Amino acid sequence: MIQEKTLLPKSGYLQLLVSLLLLLGAILFFVQQNQNPGPLFWLPGLILSLAWLVHLPGFLIVNPNESMVMVLFGTYKGTVKEFGFFWANPFYTKKKVSLRAMNQNGEKLKVNDKVGNPIEIAAVLVWQVADTSKASFAVDNYVKYVETQSEAAVRSLAGTYPYDEFELEGAEITLRGNAPLVNEELEKQLSERLERAGVEVIEARISHLAYAPEIAGAMLQRQQASAVVAARHKIVEGAVGMVEMALEQLSQKQVVELDEERKAAMVSNLLVVLCSDRAASPVVNAGSLYH
């Protein structure tokens, strides 16, 4: 594979002076020819004119964060990475390659996650050309190559992990719950895919992640049910602790002595009050404890 090499062309300002001298010399010879016509007096002016025309295409301007790839009759000669006004071999074929960071906002893709659920996913990619020779000669169009490979990487990533942890028990990494690790894996895959085109990945991250519309409603209900179960678990756990603490303090402070039957009734009442999702309506017992 062709390796990138830096080319240092000549200053364009000095060569601009040479070009002006060639043009001025050709004009002077043609003017003198009109004053002193002769059979071969036009030859020096013609030679200088041809030399000026050949010399003129050698000028090139390289802007900041841009480069110019030079090819001579099918042979790669080097890349000009310094910005400024230069002159190089006029027979060079010049191809401009941008070195600026480029941002690509990928389209939403409909794919299946690891367990087969249809999801929508999109990614944002920031990249720049690091090797101009690979970008120019290893692939046909490096911009299209980046677009195609980034889409392939996102599809591959989506099929590697489940969307959420409740879809696959024991899943250590999920698309929704482990965004930093998922973005790191996406960046790694893109770097491997785009290295062939001489492209460096600066940043890659998931910008959109959701269930596909046809299952979004069902999955939302499933998530809500899971949230309700988790909340109830916490409520029951806290209520049991409060009942245990109440019985222990009543016993230690000897506020009242309860037999096992009354303890069971008290536990039942406290759990109903603490675990209910509605406010309790108290009932005043005007009789004795056992009536």
C-alpha atoms as a PDB file:
ATOM      1  CA  MET A   1       0.000   0.000   0.000  1.00  0.00           C
ATOM      2  CA  ILE A   2       1.175   3.530  -0.782  1.00  0.00           C
ATOM      3  CA  GLN A   3       2.641   5.339   2.218  1.00  0.00           C
ATOM      4  CA  GLU A   4       2.063   9.041   2.741  1.00  0.00           C
ATOM      5  CA  LYS A   5       5.077  11.312   2.326  1.00  0.00           C
ATOM      6  CA  THR A   6       5.388  15.059   2.699  1.00  0.00           C
ATOM      7  CA  LEU A   7       6.268  17.186  -0.311  1.00  0.00           C
ATOM      8  CA  LEU A   8       7.854  20.623   0.138  1.00  0.00           C
ATOM      9  CA  PRO A   9       7.274  22.699  -3.012  1.00  0.00           C
ATOM     10  CA  LYS A  10       9.044  25.926  -3.937  1.00  0.00           C
ATOM     11  CA  SER A  11       7.848  29.321  -2.842  1.00  0.00           C
ATOM     12  CA  GLY A  12       5.227  30.674  -5.185  1.00  0.00           C
ATOM     13  CA  TYR A  13       6.320  34.307  -4.884  1.00  0.00           C
ATOM     14  CA  LEU A  14       9.745  33.758  -6.453  1.00  0.00           C
ATOM     15  CA  GLN A  15       8.232  31.672  -9.237  1.00  0.00           C
ATOM     16  CA  LEU A  16       5.624  34.392  -9.790  1.00  0.00           C
ATOM     17  CA  LEU A  17       8.492  36.774 -10.571  1.00  0.00           C
ATOM     18  CA  VAL A  18       9.931  34.218 -13.014  1.00  0.00           C
ATOM     19  CA  SER A  19       6.515  33.884 -14.667  1.00  0.00           C
ATOM     20  CA  LEU A  20       6.180  37.648 -15.036  1.00  0.00           C
ATOM     21  CA  LEU A  21       9.670  37.878 -16.577  1.00  0.00           C
ATOM     22  CA  LEU A  22       8.802  35.159 -19.111  1.00  0.00           C
ATOM     23  CA  LEU A  23       5.593  36.952 -20.035  1.00  0.00           C
ATOM     24  CA  LEU A  24       7.320  40.330 -20.284  1.00  0.00           C
ATOM     25  CA  GLY A  25      10.114  38.846 -22.428  1.00  0.00           C
ATOM     26  CA  ALA A  26       7.612  37.277 -24.823  1.00  0.00           C
ATOM     27  CA  ILE A  27       5.732  40.579 -25.170  1.00  0.00           C
ATOM     28  CA  LEU A  28       8.962  42.502 -25.866  1.00  0.00           C
ATOM     29  CA  PHE A  29      10.043  40.038 -28.571  1.00  0.00           C
ATOM     30  CA  PHE A  30       6.661  40.226 -30.297  1.00  0.00           C
ATOM     31  CA  VAL A  31       6.743  44.051 -30.194  1.00  0.00           C
ATOM     32  CA  GLN A  32      10.227  44.126 -31.703  1.00  0.00           C
ATOM     33  CA  GLN A  33       9.143  41.655 -34.348  1.00  0.00           C
ATOM     34  CA  ASN A  34       6.509  44.109 -35.576  1.00  0.00           C
ATOM     35  CA  GLN A  35       9.159  46.821 -35.793  1.00  0.00           C
ATOM     36  CA  ASN A  36      11.880  44.625 -37.382  1.00  0.00           C
ATOM     37  CA  PRO A  37      10.164  41.762 -39.151  1.00  0.00           C
ATOM     38  CA  GLY A  38      12.358  38.789 -39.993  1.00  0.00           C
ATOM     39  CA  PRO A  39      11.941  35.151 -40.927  1.00  0.00           C
ATOM     40  CA  LEU A  40      12.891  33.723 -37.513  1.00  0.00           C
ATOM     41  CA  PHE A  41      12.514  36.753 -35.264  1.00  0.00           C
ATOM     42  CA  TRP A  42       9.206  35.415 -33.927  1.00  0.00           C
ATOM     43  CA  LEU A  43      10.861  32.203 -32.616  1.00  0.00           C
ATOM     44  CA  PRO A  44      12.228  33.586 -29.252  1.00  0.00           C
ATOM     45  CA  GLY A  45       8.878  35.194 -28.456  1.00  0.00           C
ATOM     46  CA  LEU A  46       7.070  31.941 -29.247  1.00  0.00           C
ATOM     47  CA  ILE A  47       9.452  29.952 -27.048  1.00  0.00           C
ATOM     48  CA  LEU A  48       9.020  32.364 -24.142  1.00  0.00           C
ATOM     49  CA  SER A  49       5.235  32.261 -24.562  1.00  0.00           C
ATOM     50  CA  LEU A  50       5.203  28.470 -24.473  1.00  0.00           C
ATOM     51  CA  ALA A  51       7.512  28.484 -21.432  1.00  0.00           C
ATOM     52  CA  TRP A  52       5.151  30.911 -19.662  1.00  0.00           C
ATOM     53  CA  LEU A  53       2.104  28.763 -20.472  1.00  0.00           C
ATOM     54  CA  VAL A  54       3.840  25.625 -19.179  1.00  0.00           C
ATOM     55  CA  HIS A  55       5.132  27.416 -16.077  1.00  0.00           C
ATOM     56  CA  LEU A  56       1.737  28.903 -15.136  1.00  0.00           C
ATOM     57  CA  PRO A  57      -0.130  25.684 -13.998  1.00  0.00           C
ATOM     58  CA  GLY A  58       2.573  25.016 -11.400  1.00  0.00           C
ATOM     59  CA  PHE A  59       1.119  27.567  -8.967  1.00  0.00           C
ATOM     60  CA  LEU A  60      -1.007  26.292  -6.119  1.00  0.00           C
ATOM     61  CA  ILE A  61      -2.635  27.732  -3.020  1.00  0.00           C
ATOM     62  CA  VAL A  62      -3.064  25.529   0.061  1.00  0.00           C
ATOM     63  CA  ASN A  63      -5.462  26.858   2.697  1.00  0.00           C
ATOM     64  CA  PRO A  64      -5.124  26.148   6.440  1.00  0.00           C
ATOM     65  CA  ASN A  65      -6.210  22.605   7.405  1.00  0.00           C
ATOM     66  CA  GLU A  66      -6.111  21.506   3.787  1.00  0.00           C
ATOM     67  CA  SER A  67      -3.627  19.440   1.804  1.00  0.00           C
ATOM     68  CA  MET A  68      -2.752  18.852  -1.829  1.00  0.00           C
ATOM     69  CA  VAL A  69      -1.947  15.374  -3.130  1.00  0.00           C
ATOM     70  CA  MET A  70       0.552  15.398  -6.025  1.00  0.00           C
ATOM     71  CA  VAL A  71       0.584  12.732  -8.745  1.00  0.00           C
ATOM     72  CA  LEU A  72       2.952  12.715 -11.746  1.00  0.00           C
ATOM     73  CA  PHE A  73       1.824  10.533 -14.653  1.00  0.00           C
ATOM     74  CA  GLY A  74       0.188   8.013 -12.315  1.00  0.00           C
ATOM     75  CA  THR A  75       2.962   8.045  -9.687  1.00  0.00           C
ATOM     76  CA  TYR A  76       2.312   9.436  -6.210  1.00  0.00           C
ATOM     77  CA  LYS A  77       4.945  12.070  -5.427  1.00  0.00           C
ATOM     78  CA  GLY A  78       3.847  13.374  -2.043  1.00  0.00           C
ATOM     79  CA  THR A  79       1.391  15.573  -0.178  1.00  0.00           C
ATOM     80  CA  VAL A  80       1.700  19.289   0.517  1.00  0.00           C
ATOM     81  CA  LYS A  81       0.401  19.890   4.060  1.00  0.00           C
ATOM     82  CA  GLU A  82       1.825  23.368   4.706  1.00  0.00           C
ATOM     83  CA  PHE A  83      -0.530  26.188   3.866  1.00  0.00           C
ATOM     84  CA  GLY A  84       0.527  29.069   1.667  1.00  0.00           C
ATOM     85  CA  PHE A  85       1.355  30.033  -1.928  1.00  0.00           C
ATOM     86  CA  PHE A  86       3.626  27.518  -3.704  1.00  0.00           C
ATOM     87  CA  TRP A  87       4.890  26.389  -7.073  1.00  0.00           C
ATOM     88  CA  ALA A  88       5.464  22.762  -8.027  1.00  0.00           C
ATOM     89  CA  ASN A  89       6.065  20.746 -11.158  1.00  0.00           C
ATOM     90  CA  PRO A  90       3.386  21.990 -13.614  1.00  0.00           C
ATOM     91  CA  PHE A  91       2.818  18.430 -14.816  1.00  0.00           C
ATOM     92  CA  TYR A  92       1.650  17.322 -11.371  1.00  0.00           C
ATOM     93  CA  THR A  93      -1.986  16.324 -11.042  1.00  0.00           C
ATOM     94  CA  LYS A  94      -3.265  18.073  -7.915  1.00  0.00           C
ATOM     95  CA  LYS A  95      -6.029  16.720  -5.672  1.00  0.00           C
ATOM     96  CA  LYS A  96      -7.262  18.713  -2.693  1.00  0.00           C
ATOM     97  CA  VAL A  97      -7.946  16.759   0.529  1.00  0.00           C
ATOM     98  CA  SER A  98      -9.430  18.513   3.551  1.00  0.00           C
ATOM     99  CA  LEU A  99      -7.790  17.940   6.938  1.00  0.00           C
ATOM    100  CA  ARG A 100     -10.589  19.623   8.870  1.00  0.00           C
ATOM    101  CA  ALA A 101     -12.679  17.732  11.407  1.00  0.00           C
ATOM    102  CA  MET A 102     -15.979  16.669   9.857  1.00  0.00           C
ATOM    103  CA  ASN A 103     -19.244  15.957  11.635  1.00  0.00           C
ATOM    104  CA  GLN A 104     -21.636  13.263  10.422  1.00  0.00           C
ATOM    105  CA  ASN A 105     -25.086  12.937  11.917  1.00  0.00           C
ATOM    106  CA  GLY A 106     -26.247   9.474  10.921  1.00  0.00           C
ATOM    107  CA  GLU A 107     -29.810   8.685   9.943  1.00  0.00           C
ATOM    108  CA  LYS A 108     -32.118   6.667  12.196  1.00  0.00           C
ATOM    109  CA  LEU A 109     -31.709   2.976  11.457  1.00  0.00           C
ATOM    110  CA  LYS A 110     -34.297   0.325  12.256  1.00  0.00           C
ATOM    111  CA  VAL A 111     -32.459  -2.799  13.437  1.00  0.00           C
ATOM    112  CA  ASN A 112     -32.875  -5.702  15.866  1.00  0.00           C
ATOM    113  CA  ASP A 113     -31.039  -5.815  19.177  1.00  0.00           C
ATOM    114  CA  LYS A 114     -29.399  -8.937  20.584  1.00  0.00           C
ATOM    115  CA  VAL A 115     -32.700 -10.532  21.633  1.00  0.00           C
ATOM    116  CA  GLY A 116     -34.462  -9.634  18.391  1.00  0.00           C
ATOM    117  CA  ASN A 117     -36.502  -6.607  19.450  1.00  0.00           C
ATOM    118  CA  PRO A 118     -36.802  -3.957  16.710  1.00  0.00           C
ATOM    119  CA  ILE A 119     -35.226  -0.665  17.775  1.00  0.00           C
ATOM    120  CA  GLU A 120     -34.332   2.685  16.232  1.00  0.00           C
ATOM    121  CA  ILE A 121     -30.737   3.825  16.587  1.00  0.00           C
ATOM    122  CA  ALA A 122     -28.574   6.632  15.199  1.00  0.00           C
ATOM    123  CA  ALA A 123     -25.033   7.811  15.847  1.00  0.00           C
ATOM    124  CA  VAL A 124     -22.983  11.004  15.556  1.00  0.00           C
ATOM    125  CA  LEU A 125     -19.445  10.705  14.214  1.00  0.00           C
ATOM    126  CA  VAL A 126     -16.627  13.266  14.262  1.00  0.00           C
ATOM    127  CA  TRP A 127     -13.704  12.345  11.999  1.00  0.00           C
ATOM    128  CA  GLN A 128     -10.848  13.736   9.944  1.00  0.00           C
ATOM    129  CA  VAL A 129      -8.381  12.512   7.355  1.00  0.00           C
ATOM    130  CA  ALA A 130      -5.089  11.412   8.928  1.00  0.00           C
ATOM    131  CA  ASP A 131      -3.414   9.770   5.902  1.00  0.00           C
ATOM    132  CA  THR A 132      -4.026  11.571   2.612  1.00  0.00           C
ATOM    133  CA  SER A 133      -2.494   8.815   0.470  1.00  0.00           C
ATOM    134  CA  LYS A 134      -4.925   6.188   1.801  1.00  0.00           C
ATOM    135  CA  ALA A 135      -7.851   8.581   1.506  1.00  0.00           C
ATOM    136  CA  SER A 136      -6.941   9.284  -2.135  1.00  0.00           C
ATOM    137  CA  PHE A 137      -5.861   5.874  -3.417  1.00  0.00           C
ATOM    138  CA  ALA A 138      -7.078   3.118  -1.033  1.00  0.00           C
ATOM    139  CA  VAL A 139     -10.794   3.849  -1.494  1.00  0.00           C
ATOM    140  CA  ASP A 140     -12.838   5.302  -4.323  1.00  0.00           C
ATOM    141  CA  ASN A 141     -14.543   8.062  -2.309  1.00  0.00           C
ATOM    142  CA  TYR A 142     -13.478   8.384   1.320  1.00  0.00           C
ATOM    143  CA  VAL A 143     -16.526  10.481   2.319  1.00  0.00           C
ATOM    144  CA  LYS A 144     -18.971   7.860   1.003  1.00  0.00           C
ATOM    145  CA  TYR A 145     -16.786   5.158   2.530  1.00  0.00           C
ATOM    146  CA  VAL A 146     -17.137   6.771   5.971  1.00  0.00           C
ATOM    147  CA  GLU A 147     -20.920   7.028   5.595  1.00  0.00           C
ATOM    148  CA  THR A 148     -21.309   3.387   4.556  1.00  0.00           C
ATOM    149  CA  GLN A 149     -18.953   1.946   7.167  1.00  0.00           C
ATOM    150  CA  SER A 150     -20.423   4.026   9.987  1.00  0.00           C
ATOM    151  CA  GLU A 151     -23.894   2.681   9.182  1.00  0.00           C
ATOM    152  CA  ALA A 152     -22.539  -0.872   9.119  1.00  0.00           C
ATOM    153  CA  ALA A 153     -20.803  -0.346  12.478  1.00  0.00           C
ATOM    154  CA  VAL A 154     -23.989   0.972  14.109  1.00  0.00           C
ATOM    155  CA  ARG A 155     -25.986  -2.016  12.817  1.00  0.00           C
ATOM    156  CA  SER A 156     -23.356  -4.409  14.114  1.00  0.00           C
ATOM    157  CA  LEU A 157     -23.259  -2.707  17.516  1.00  0.00           C
ATOM    158  CA  ALA A 158     -27.045  -2.777  17.892  1.00  0.00           C
ATOM    159  CA  GLY A 159     -27.079  -6.539  17.293  1.00  0.00           C
ATOM    160  CA  THR A 160     -24.363  -7.160  19.874  1.00  0.00           C
ATOM    161  CA  TYR A 161     -26.167  -5.903  23.009  1.00  0.00           C
ATOM    162  CA  PRO A 162     -29.757  -5.970  24.298  1.00  0.00           C
ATOM    163  CA  TYR A 163     -31.685  -2.716  24.572  1.00  0.00           C
ATOM    164  CA  ASP A 164     -32.310  -3.012  28.298  1.00  0.00           C
ATOM    165  CA  GLU A 165     -31.305  -5.312  31.167  1.00  0.00           C
ATOM    166  CA  PHE A 166     -34.767  -6.844  31.734  1.00  0.00           C
ATOM    167  CA  GLU A 167     -34.756  -8.202  28.161  1.00  0.00           C
ATOM    168  CA  LEU A 168     -31.807 -10.495  28.857  1.00  0.00           C
ATOM    169  CA  GLU A 169     -31.139 -11.623  32.417  1.00  0.00           C
ATOM    170  CA  GLY A 170     -27.520 -11.375  33.413  1.00  0.00           C
ATOM    171  CA  ALA A 171     -26.597  -8.880  30.660  1.00  0.00           C
ATOM    172  CA  GLU A 172     -23.642  -6.807  31.862  1.00  0.00           C
ATOM    173  CA  ILE A 173     -23.796  -4.236  29.059  1.00  0.00           C
ATOM    174  CA  THR A 174     -26.984  -2.817  27.522  1.00  0.00           C
ATOM    175  CA  LEU A 175     -27.520  -0.135  24.903  1.00  0.00           C
ATOM    176  CA  ARG A 176     -29.591   2.044  27.235  1.00  0.00           C
ATOM    177  CA  GLY A 177     -27.885   1.444  30.543  1.00  0.00           C
ATOM    178  CA  ASN A 178     -24.199   1.545  29.576  1.00  0.00           C
ATOM    179  CA  ALA A 179     -23.881   4.485  27.175  1.00  0.00           C
ATOM    180  CA  PRO A 180     -20.163   5.228  27.843  1.00  0.00           C
ATOM    181  CA  LEU A 181     -19.120   1.609  27.207  1.00  0.00           C
ATOM    182  CA  VAL A 182     -21.349   1.348  24.135  1.00  0.00           C
ATOM    183  CA  ASN A 183     -19.904   4.584  22.701  1.00  0.00           C
ATOM    184  CA  GLU A 184     -16.392   3.304  23.372  1.00  0.00           C
ATOM    185  CA  GLU A 185     -17.138   0.058  21.533  1.00  0.00           C
ATOM    186  CA  LEU A 186     -18.661   2.003  18.619  1.00  0.00           C
ATOM    187  CA  GLU A 187     -15.575   4.199  18.386  1.00  0.00           C
ATOM    188  CA  LYS A 188     -13.342   1.118  18.416  1.00  0.00           C
ATOM    189  CA  GLN A 189     -15.282  -0.582  15.612  1.00  0.00           C
ATOM    190  CA  LEU A 190     -15.290   2.570  13.498  1.00  0.00           C
ATOM    191  CA  SER A 191     -11.549   3.075  13.959  1.00  0.00           C
ATOM    192  CA  GLU A 192     -10.891  -0.458  12.707  1.00  0.00           C
ATOM    193  CA  ARG A 193     -13.208  -0.043   9.714  1.00  0.00           C
ATOM    194  CA  LEU A 194     -12.011   3.427   8.680  1.00  0.00           C
ATOM    195  CA  GLU A 195      -8.288   2.841   9.124  1.00  0.00           C
ATOM    196  CA  ARG A 196      -8.122   1.512   5.556  1.00  0.00           C
ATOM    197  CA  ALA A 197      -9.246   4.913   4.244  1.00  0.00           C
ATOM    198  CA  GLY A 198      -6.737   6.827   6.375  1.00  0.00           C
ATOM    199  CA  VAL A 199      -9.515   8.316   8.518  1.00  0.00           C
ATOM    200  CA  GLU A 200      -9.121   9.003  12.233  1.00  0.00           C
ATOM    201  CA  VAL A 201     -12.191   8.803  14.481  1.00  0.00           C
ATOM    202  CA  ILE A 202     -12.223  11.706  16.937  1.00  0.00           C
ATOM    203  CA  GLU A 203     -15.540  10.937  18.627  1.00  0.00           C
ATOM    204  CA  ALA A 204     -18.448   8.555  18.123  1.00  0.00           C
ATOM    205  CA  ARG A 205     -21.583   8.318  20.232  1.00  0.00           C
ATOM    206  CA  ILE A 206     -25.173   7.134  20.070  1.00  0.00           C
ATOM    207  CA  SER A 207     -27.443  10.136  19.411  1.00  0.00           C
ATOM    208  CA  HIS A 208     -30.826   8.368  19.236  1.00  0.00           C
ATOM    209  CA  LEU A 209     -32.050   5.152  20.830  1.00  0.00           C
ATOM    210  CA  ALA A 210     -35.657   3.998  21.113  1.00  0.00           C
ATOM    211  CA  TYR A 211     -37.910   1.039  20.535  1.00  0.00           C
ATOM    212  CA  ALA A 212     -39.506   0.789  17.100  1.00  0.00           C
ATOM    213  CA  PRO A 213     -43.025   2.285  16.998  1.00  0.00           C
ATOM    214  CA  GLU A 214     -44.760  -1.095  16.635  1.00  0.00           C
ATOM    215  CA  ILE A 215     -43.534  -2.321  20.042  1.00  0.00           C
ATOM    216  CA  ALA A 216     -42.936   0.963  21.846  1.00  0.00           C
ATOM    217  CA  GLY A 217     -46.325   0.893  23.617  1.00  0.00           C
ATOM    218  CA  ALA A 218     -45.935  -2.682  24.858  1.00  0.00           C
ATOM    219  CA  MET A 219     -42.375  -2.064  26.039  1.00  0.00           C
ATOM    220  CA  LEU A 220     -43.477   1.093  27.868  1.00  0.00           C
ATOM    221  CA  GLN A 221     -46.111  -0.907  29.758  1.00  0.00           C
ATOM    222  CA  ARG A 222     -43.474  -3.502  30.580  1.00  0.00           C
ATOM    223  CA  GLN A 223     -41.120  -0.852  31.920  1.00  0.00           C
ATOM    224  CA  GLN A 224     -43.932   0.701  33.967  1.00  0.00           C
ATOM    225  CA  ALA A 225     -44.846  -2.688  35.415  1.00  0.00           C
ATOM    226  CA  SER A 226     -41.220  -3.325  36.334  1.00  0.00           C
ATOM    227  CA  ALA A 227     -41.046   0.076  38.004  1.00  0.00           C
ATOM    228  CA  VAL A 228     -44.231  -0.598  39.988  1.00  0.00           C
ATOM    229  CA  VAL A 229     -42.933  -3.995  41.160  1.00  0.00           C
ATOM    230  CA  ALA A 230     -39.615  -2.449  42.207  1.00  0.00           C
ATOM    231  CA  ALA A 231     -41.406   0.348  44.065  1.00  0.00           C
ATOM    232  CA  ARG A 232     -43.705  -2.112  45.867  1.00  0.00           C
ATOM    233  CA  HIS A 233     -40.715  -4.189  46.863  1.00  0.00           C
ATOM    234  CA  LYS A 234     -39.126  -1.153  48.480  1.00  0.00           C
ATOM    235  CA  ILE A 235     -42.386  -0.208  50.211  1.00  0.00           C
ATOM    236  CA  VAL A 236     -42.880  -3.676  51.677  1.00  0.00           C
ATOM    237  CA  GLU A 237     -39.257  -3.848  52.759  1.00  0.00           C
ATOM    238  CA  GLY A 238     -39.572  -0.510  54.550  1.00  0.00           C
ATOM    239  CA  ALA A 239     -42.938  -1.396  56.102  1.00  0.00           C
ATOM    240  CA  VAL A 240     -41.609  -4.640  57.587  1.00  0.00           C
ATOM    241  CA  GLY A 241     -38.717  -2.714  59.121  1.00  0.00           C
ATOM    242  CA  MET A 242     -41.071  -0.128  60.618  1.00  0.00           C
ATOM    243  CA  VAL A 243     -43.376  -2.809  62.089  1.00  0.00           C
ATOM    244  CA  GLU A 244     -40.408  -4.637  63.554  1.00  0.00           C
ATOM    245  CA  MET A 245     -39.114  -1.412  65.099  1.00  0.00           C
ATOM    246  CA  ALA A 246     -42.573  -0.557  66.530  1.00  0.00           C
ATOM    247  CA  LEU A 247     -42.980  -3.956  68.212  1.00  0.00           C
ATOM    248  CA  GLU A 248     -39.457  -3.835  69.576  1.00  0.00           C
ATOM    249  CA  GLN A 249     -39.895  -0.381  71.110  1.00  0.00           C
ATOM    250  CA  LEU A 250     -43.300  -1.244  72.589  1.00  0.00           C
ATOM    251  CA  SER A 251     -41.735  -4.260  74.241  1.00  0.00           C
ATOM    252  CA  GLN A 252     -38.645  -2.432  75.513  1.00  0.00           C
ATOM    253  CA  LYS A 253     -40.593   0.520  76.963  1.00  0.00           C
ATOM    254  CA  GLN A 254     -43.327  -1.788  78.292  1.00  0.00           C
ATOM    255  CA  VAL A 255     -46.049   0.474  76.935  1.00  0.00           C
ATOM    256  CA  VAL A 256     -48.407  -2.445  76.475  1.00  0.00           C
ATOM    257  CA  GLU A 257     -48.152  -6.206  76.612  1.00  0.00           C
ATOM    258  CA  LEU A 258     -49.510  -8.050  73.595  1.00  0.00           C
ATOM    259  CA  ASP A 259     -50.018 -11.740  73.149  1.00  0.00           C
ATOM    260  CA  GLU A 260     -49.171 -13.451  69.859  1.00  0.00           C
ATOM    261  CA  GLU A 261     -52.685 -13.058  68.471  1.00  0.00           C
ATOM    262  CA  ARG A 262     -52.732  -9.297  69.108  1.00  0.00           C
ATOM    263  CA  LYS A 263     -49.227  -8.927  67.745  1.00  0.00           C
ATOM    264  CA  ALA A 264     -50.370 -10.621  64.531  1.00  0.00           C
ATOM    265  CA  ALA A 265     -53.380  -8.291  64.308  1.00  0.00           C
ATOM    266  CA  MET A 266     -51.194  -5.259  64.894  1.00  0.00           C
ATOM    267  CA  VAL A 267     -48.698  -6.368  62.257  1.00  0.00           C
ATOM    268  CA  SER A 268     -51.521  -6.905  59.786  1.00  0.00           C
ATOM    269  CA  ASN A 269     -53.023  -3.484  60.418  1.00  0.00           C
ATOM    270  CA  LEU A 270     -49.674  -1.693  60.211  1.00  0.00           C
ATOM    271  CA  LEU A 271     -48.769  -3.430  56.947  1.00  0.00           C
ATOM    272  CA  VAL A 272     -52.135  -2.516  55.436  1.00  0.00           C
ATOM    273  CA  VAL A 273     -51.655   1.125  56.414  1.00  0.00           C
ATOM    274  CA  LEU A 274     -48.035   1.364  55.309  1.00  0.00           C
ATOM    275  CA  CYS A 275     -48.325  -0.608  52.066  1.00  0.00           C
ATOM    276  CA  SER A 276     -51.639   0.779  50.845  1.00  0.00           C
ATOM    277  CA  ASP A 277     -51.551   3.178  47.902  1.00  0.00           C
ATOM    278  CA  ARG A 278     -54.407   5.168  49.451  1.00  0.00           C
ATOM    279  CA  ALA A 279     -54.665   7.151  52.671  1.00  0.00           C
ATOM    280  CA  ALA A 280     -55.891   5.081  55.637  1.00  0.00           C
ATOM    281  CA  SER A 281     -59.254   5.889  57.278  1.00  0.00           C
ATOM    282  CA  PRO A 282     -58.793   5.420  61.032  1.00  0.00           C
ATOM    283  CA  VAL A 283     -61.496   3.758  63.156  1.00  0.00           C
ATOM    284  CA  VAL A 284     -61.660   4.634  66.882  1.00  0.00           C
ATOM    285  CA  ASN A 285     -62.131   1.638  69.169  1.00  0.00           C
ATOM    286  CA  ALA A 286     -64.108   2.848  72.235  1.00  0.00           C
ATOM    287  CA  GLY A 287     -64.178  -0.562  73.890  1.00  0.00           C
ATOM    288  CA  SER A 288     -61.428  -2.701  75.370  1.00  0.00           C
ATOM    289  CA  LEU A 289     -58.450  -4.075  73.498  1.00  0.00           C
ATOM    290  CA  TYR A 290     -60.183  -7.431  73.025  1.00  0.00           C
ATOM    291  CA  HIS A 291     -63.555  -6.140  71.878  1.00  0.00           C
END
